[in-house]
Amino acid sequence: MTDAIRAAIMRGLADLWANGCPVPAPELHERLADVGLRRWHSVARRHRGRRLGPDDRLRDLVRGLVAAFEPDPKLVGPLVRDYECVARVIADAATGR
């Protein structure tokens, strides 16, 4: 991961936190970036033989973040929308948007 990508993720997570998103607490920024980018870059290994579109990749990233940060992913409920915001920040930084 380049420093520019990591910096873009950190800025995006800080902005989400400042705007009231409860998921990217400052003490979690590093871990969210690490887990998110690892998940983003390993999508082909988990989905061998399938070519995923951008929306599918984003959903896969959300699933990975929820699995990594929630004690019981089945109970996340509406909080999943906040994980989607975090996933979008990571995906945008990883793709250069």
C-alpha atoms as a PDB file:
ATOM      1  CA  MET A   1       0.000   0.000   0.000  1.00  0.00           C
ATOM      2  CA  THR A   2       1.366   3.343  -0.914  1.00  0.00           C
ATOM      3  CA  ASP A   3       1.577   6.207   1.522  1.00  0.00           C
ATOM      4  CA  ALA A   4      -0.778   8.248  -0.674  1.00  0.00           C
ATOM      5  CA  ILE A   5      -3.484   5.565  -0.515  1.00  0.00           C
ATOM      6  CA  ARG A   6      -3.102   5.182   3.230  1.00  0.00           C
ATOM      7  CA  ALA A   7      -3.216   8.970   3.717  1.00  0.00           C
ATOM      8  CA  ALA A   8      -6.379   9.212   1.593  1.00  0.00           C
ATOM      9  CA  ILE A   9      -8.028   6.507   3.695  1.00  0.00           C
ATOM     10  CA  MET A  10      -7.029   8.208   6.936  1.00  0.00           C
ATOM     11  CA  ARG A  11      -8.414  11.549   5.725  1.00  0.00           C
ATOM     12  CA  GLY A  12     -11.644   9.897   4.617  1.00  0.00           C
ATOM     13  CA  LEU A  13     -12.096   8.030   7.895  1.00  0.00           C
ATOM     14  CA  ALA A  14     -11.395  11.180   9.910  1.00  0.00           C
ATOM     15  CA  ASP A  15     -13.967  13.038   7.825  1.00  0.00           C
ATOM     16  CA  LEU A  16     -16.582  10.316   8.377  1.00  0.00           C
ATOM     17  CA  TRP A  17     -15.928  10.412  12.122  1.00  0.00           C
ATOM     18  CA  ALA A  18     -16.164  14.206  12.198  1.00  0.00           C
ATOM     19  CA  ASN A  19     -19.510  13.997  10.399  1.00  0.00           C
ATOM     20  CA  GLY A  20     -21.008  11.579  12.910  1.00  0.00           C
ATOM     21  CA  CYS A  21     -20.312   8.120  11.496  1.00  0.00           C
ATOM     22  CA  PRO A  22     -19.809   5.864  14.564  1.00  0.00           C
ATOM     23  CA  VAL A  23     -17.694   3.149  12.916  1.00  0.00           C
ATOM     24  CA  PRO A  24     -14.342   4.844  12.192  1.00  0.00           C
ATOM     25  CA  ALA A  25     -13.371   5.860  15.714  1.00  0.00           C
ATOM     26  CA  PRO A  26      -9.886   7.432  15.640  1.00  0.00           C
ATOM     27  CA  GLU A  27      -8.307   4.507  17.480  1.00  0.00           C
ATOM     28  CA  LEU A  28      -9.555   2.158  14.730  1.00  0.00           C
ATOM     29  CA  HIS A  29      -8.301   4.067  11.680  1.00  0.00           C
ATOM     30  CA  GLU A  30      -5.094   2.055  11.235  1.00  0.00           C
ATOM     31  CA  ARG A  31      -6.827  -1.282  11.667  1.00  0.00           C
ATOM     32  CA  LEU A  32      -9.739  -0.317   9.393  1.00  0.00           C
ATOM     33  CA  ALA A  33      -7.256   0.669   6.684  1.00  0.00           C
ATOM     34  CA  ASP A  34      -5.244  -2.543   7.074  1.00  0.00           C
ATOM     35  CA  VAL A  35      -8.241  -4.886   7.149  1.00  0.00           C
ATOM     36  CA  GLY A  36     -10.042  -3.037   4.382  1.00  0.00           C
ATOM     37  CA  LEU A  37      -7.122  -2.944   1.977  1.00  0.00           C
ATOM     38  CA  ARG A  38      -6.221  -6.564   2.641  1.00  0.00           C
ATOM     39  CA  ARG A  39      -9.815  -7.539   1.902  1.00  0.00           C
ATOM     40  CA  TRP A  40      -9.941  -5.329  -1.210  1.00  0.00           C
ATOM     41  CA  HIS A  41      -6.765  -6.820  -2.680  1.00  0.00           C
ATOM     42  CA  SER A  42      -7.651 -10.460  -1.915  1.00  0.00           C
ATOM     43  CA  VAL A  43     -11.067 -10.472  -3.586  1.00  0.00           C
ATOM     44  CA  ALA A  44      -9.886 -12.590  -6.544  1.00  0.00           C
ATOM     45  CA  ARG A  45      -8.679 -15.335  -4.209  1.00  0.00           C
ATOM     46  CA  ARG A  46     -12.034 -15.543  -2.434  1.00  0.00           C
ATOM     47  CA  HIS A  47     -14.067 -15.425  -5.655  1.00  0.00           C
ATOM     48  CA  ARG A  48     -12.031 -17.608  -7.985  1.00  0.00           C
ATOM     49  CA  GLY A  49     -13.426 -17.756 -11.478  1.00  0.00           C
ATOM     50  CA  ARG A  50     -15.920 -14.935 -10.912  1.00  0.00           C
ATOM     51  CA  ARG A  51     -15.452 -11.447 -12.210  1.00  0.00           C
ATOM     52  CA  LEU A  52     -17.019  -9.102  -9.707  1.00  0.00           C
ATOM     53  CA  GLY A  53     -18.357  -5.684 -10.610  1.00  0.00           C
ATOM     54  CA  PRO A  54     -17.700  -2.596  -8.497  1.00  0.00           C
ATOM     55  CA  ASP A  55     -20.898  -3.018  -6.443  1.00  0.00           C
ATOM     56  CA  ASP A  56     -20.092  -6.673  -5.737  1.00  0.00           C
ATOM     57  CA  ARG A  57     -16.581  -5.755  -4.628  1.00  0.00           C
ATOM     58  CA  LEU A  58     -17.971  -3.069  -2.337  1.00  0.00           C
ATOM     59  CA  ARG A  59     -20.430  -5.540  -0.774  1.00  0.00           C
ATOM     60  CA  ASP A  60     -17.581  -8.013  -0.275  1.00  0.00           C
ATOM     61  CA  LEU A  61     -15.558  -5.302   1.456  1.00  0.00           C
ATOM     62  CA  VAL A  62     -18.481  -4.421   3.730  1.00  0.00           C
ATOM     63  CA  ARG A  63     -18.870  -8.106   4.671  1.00  0.00           C
ATOM     64  CA  GLY A  64     -15.184  -8.313   5.517  1.00  0.00           C
ATOM     65  CA  LEU A  65     -15.224  -5.178   7.651  1.00  0.00           C
ATOM     66  CA  VAL A  66     -18.316  -6.298   9.551  1.00  0.00           C
ATOM     67  CA  ALA A  67     -16.784  -9.740  10.131  1.00  0.00           C
ATOM     68  CA  ALA A  68     -13.551  -8.202  11.419  1.00  0.00           C
ATOM     69  CA  PHE A  69     -15.036  -5.554  13.706  1.00  0.00           C
ATOM     70  CA  GLU A  70     -18.340  -6.884  14.993  1.00  0.00           C
ATOM     71  CA  PRO A  71     -18.586  -9.620  17.656  1.00  0.00           C
ATOM     72  CA  ASP A  72     -21.779 -10.980  16.038  1.00  0.00           C
ATOM     73  CA  PRO A  73     -22.097  -9.874  12.413  1.00  0.00           C
ATOM     74  CA  LYS A  74     -25.709 -11.094  12.240  1.00  0.00           C
ATOM     75  CA  LEU A  75     -26.736  -8.395  14.713  1.00  0.00           C
ATOM     76  CA  VAL A  76     -25.292  -5.381  12.872  1.00  0.00           C
ATOM     77  CA  GLY A  77     -28.621  -4.198  11.450  1.00  0.00           C
ATOM     78  CA  PRO A  78     -28.781  -0.542  10.305  1.00  0.00           C
ATOM     79  CA  LEU A  79     -25.152   0.021  11.345  1.00  0.00           C
ATOM     80  CA  VAL A  80     -24.233  -1.734   8.094  1.00  0.00           C
ATOM     81  CA  ARG A  81     -24.869   1.599   6.314  1.00  0.00           C
ATOM     82  CA  ASP A  82     -21.996   3.100   8.294  1.00  0.00           C
ATOM     83  CA  TYR A  83     -19.761   0.202   7.269  1.00  0.00           C
ATOM     84  CA  GLU A  84     -20.764   0.913   3.671  1.00  0.00           C
ATOM     85  CA  CYS A  85     -19.483   4.485   4.082  1.00  0.00           C
ATOM     86  CA  VAL A  86     -16.182   3.174   5.436  1.00  0.00           C
ATOM     87  CA  ALA A  87     -15.938   0.659   2.596  1.00  0.00           C
ATOM     88  CA  ARG A  88     -16.559   3.413   0.036  1.00  0.00           C
ATOM     89  CA  VAL A  89     -13.689   5.481   1.476  1.00  0.00           C
ATOM     90  CA  ILE A  90     -11.353   2.483   1.256  1.00  0.00           C
ATOM     91  CA  ALA A  91     -12.496   1.489  -2.249  1.00  0.00           C
ATOM     92  CA  ASP A  92     -12.187   5.045  -3.547  1.00  0.00           C
ATOM     93  CA  ALA A  93      -8.665   5.372  -2.176  1.00  0.00           C
ATOM     94  CA  ALA A  94      -7.652   1.948  -3.529  1.00  0.00           C
ATOM     95  CA  THR A  95      -8.935   2.775  -7.009  1.00  0.00           C
ATOM     96  CA  GLY A  96      -7.632   6.332  -7.069  1.00  0.00           C
ATOM     97  CA  ARG A  97     -11.006   8.087  -7.008  1.00  0.00           C
END
